[in-house]
Amino acid sequence: MDSNLRNLKDFLTLYNKVTELCFNRCVDNLSQRELFDQESICVDRCVTKFARFNQNMMKAYVDVQTKINAKRMEEVEQNAKQLEQHQQEERIKEQLKEKEIAAAATAVLTPAQTPAKLSM
């Protein structure tokens, strides 16, 4: 689902829930088309209260999400450093193996002892 469409759907769902909640809490009499003054004040307060609550929750969410993202970035950087160190260690081990193989090959190809020394 497209993110814009999803956001619109979420907004409309929330709007409908707030409308239903405030209507059920505040409207007592359906005998006339207009709200009574008391009902109108109640609806205004209900919607305002919800809007403020939602705003405060979003601020808290943004603060927490910022901290979570910073922590994740720190973990990613640490993992990258560890991976780099591990790769460096592997390269050093590989270089040491190559040197050992080269040294062994040189030792095999170059006679270390001559037959005259063996007879002594």
Foldseek 3Di string as FASTA:
>chain_A
DDPVVVVVVVVVVVVVVLVVVLCVVQADDPPDDDGDPRSVVSSVVSVVVVVVVVVVVVVVVVVVVVVVVVVVVVVVVVVVVVVVVVVVVVVVVVVVVVVVVVVVVVPVVDPPDDVVVVVD
